[in-house]
Protein backbone atom coordinates (compact mmCIF):
# COMPACT_ATOMS: atom_id res chain seq x y z
CA MET A 1 -3.11 -10.14 -25.59
CA GLU A 2 -2.56 -10.09 -21.82
CA SER A 3 -4.42 -7.40 -19.87
CA THR A 4 -2.63 -5.15 -17.42
CA LEU A 5 -3.23 -5.83 -13.72
CA ALA A 6 -5.45 -3.14 -12.27
CA PRO A 7 -8.13 -2.79 -9.61
CA ALA A 8 -11.70 -2.90 -10.88
CA ASN A 9 -13.02 -1.59 -7.56
CA ILE A 10 -11.50 -0.39 -4.27
CA GLN A 11 -13.48 0.16 -1.07
CA THR A 12 -12.72 0.77 2.57
CA ILE A 13 -14.67 -1.68 4.70
CA GLY A 14 -14.21 -1.06 8.40
CA GLU A 15 -10.53 -1.52 9.18
CA GLU A 16 -9.75 -3.07 5.78
CA LEU A 17 -9.11 -1.95 2.23
CA ALA A 18 -10.83 -4.28 -0.22
CA VAL A 19 -9.54 -4.53 -3.79
CA ALA A 20 -11.41 -6.33 -6.55
CA TRP A 21 -8.93 -6.92 -9.37
CA ASN A 22 -9.66 -6.98 -13.10
CA ASP A 23 -8.58 -10.64 -13.19
CA GLY A 24 -11.34 -11.66 -10.76
CA ARG A 25 -9.20 -11.96 -7.63
CA GLU A 26 -10.06 -10.09 -4.43
CA SER A 27 -7.61 -8.80 -1.84
CA TYR A 28 -8.31 -7.56 1.68
CA PHE A 29 -5.73 -5.54 3.59
CA GLN A 30 -5.87 -4.58 7.24
CA LEU A 31 -5.18 -0.83 7.25
CA GLU A 32 -2.45 -1.18 9.88
CA PHE A 33 -0.70 -3.82 7.76
CA LEU A 34 -0.96 -1.59 4.69
CA ARG A 35 0.45 1.46 6.47
CA LYS A 36 3.35 -0.50 7.96
CA ALA A 37 4.16 -1.77 4.44
CA CYS A 38 4.41 1.77 3.06
CA PRO A 39 7.05 1.76 0.30
CA CYS A 40 8.01 5.46 0.50
CA ALA A 41 11.57 6.47 1.36
CA ALA A 42 10.51 8.00 4.69
CA CYS A 43 9.03 4.66 5.81
CA GLY A 44 11.06 2.05 3.97
CA GLY A 45 14.41 3.83 3.73
CA GLU A 46 16.62 4.62 0.76
CA PRO A 47 19.72 2.80 -0.43
CA ASP A 48 23.06 4.47 0.24
CA ILE A 49 25.87 4.60 -2.31
CA LEU A 50 26.76 0.96 -1.53
CA GLY A 51 23.18 -0.22 -1.90
CA ARG A 52 22.53 -0.74 1.82
CA VAL A 53 19.06 0.27 2.93
CA GLU A 54 18.69 1.60 6.43
CA ARG A 55 15.11 1.79 7.57
CA PRO A 56 14.47 5.00 9.50
CA PRO A 57 12.98 4.81 12.98
CA LEU A 58 9.20 5.04 12.72
CA SER A 59 6.57 5.96 15.23
CA TYR A 60 2.85 5.76 14.72
CA GLY A 61 0.14 7.76 16.40
CA PRO A 62 -3.58 7.26 16.89
CA LYS A 63 -4.38 8.51 13.35
CA SER A 64 -1.64 6.57 11.55
CA PHE A 65 -3.81 3.61 10.60
CA ALA A 66 -6.98 5.49 9.66
CA LEU A 67 -7.36 5.96 5.93
CA ARG A 68 -8.61 9.43 4.96
CA THR A 69 -8.75 8.85 1.20
CA PHE A 70 -6.85 7.33 -1.71
CA ARG A 71 -6.33 7.98 -5.40
CA ILE A 72 -5.10 6.08 -8.42
CA VAL A 73 -1.85 7.49 -9.81
CA GLY A 74 -0.98 7.12 -13.48
CA GLY A 75 -2.97 3.92 -13.90
CA TYR A 76 -0.30 1.90 -12.05
CA ALA A 77 -0.43 2.73 -8.34
CA LEU A 78 -2.61 3.49 -5.34
CA GLN A 79 -1.69 6.51 -3.20
CA PRO A 80 -3.36 6.50 0.21
CA THR A 81 -3.66 9.55 2.43
CA TRP A 82 -3.75 8.65 6.10
CA GLN A 83 -5.45 10.65 8.85
CA ASP A 84 -2.04 11.72 10.23
CA GLY A 85 -1.30 13.41 6.86
CA HIS A 86 1.16 10.83 5.50
CA ASP A 87 0.61 10.50 1.74
CA SER A 88 3.95 9.87 0.03
CA GLY A 89 3.57 6.11 -0.44
CA LEU A 90 2.84 4.86 -3.95
CA TYR A 91 1.69 1.25 -3.78
CA THR A 92 2.03 -0.11 -7.31
CA PHE A 93 -0.61 -2.63 -8.25
CA LYS A 94 2.10 -5.27 -8.55
CA TYR A 95 3.33 -4.40 -5.02
CA LEU A 96 -0.21 -4.68 -3.64
CA ARG A 97 -0.56 -8.15 -5.14
CA GLN A 98 2.80 -9.14 -3.65
CA LEU A 99 1.60 -7.88 -0.26
CA ASP A 100 -1.55 -9.93 -0.62
CA GLU A 101 0.48 -13.07 -1.36
CA ARG A 102 2.90 -12.31 1.50
CA LYS A 103 0.16 -11.90 4.12
CA GLY A 104 -1.25 -15.26 3.10
CA LYS A 105 2.06 -16.89 4.05
CA ALA A 106 2.46 -15.11 7.39
């Protein structure tokens, strides 16, 4: 039986979020990278009736990349709350792993 991907431990270390996964892998995310990858509709946009996604204009302030806290939602996602109050992004565990793989190719 295959286990479900989930973090075993999550810690903020300086300007990074460290995730130790239940499969033994570790991921480290710069907080600025993580915030700019926010998957919420306000940050990433929503598809229109034809399926086109228009990303809204975004501006970041001095508190945008400081992580206030985070919580696990429903056993499938991480929801960060940033110092500027933004908290609508749900980063599924699968999405976080994809981000980790993407940053390795950048």
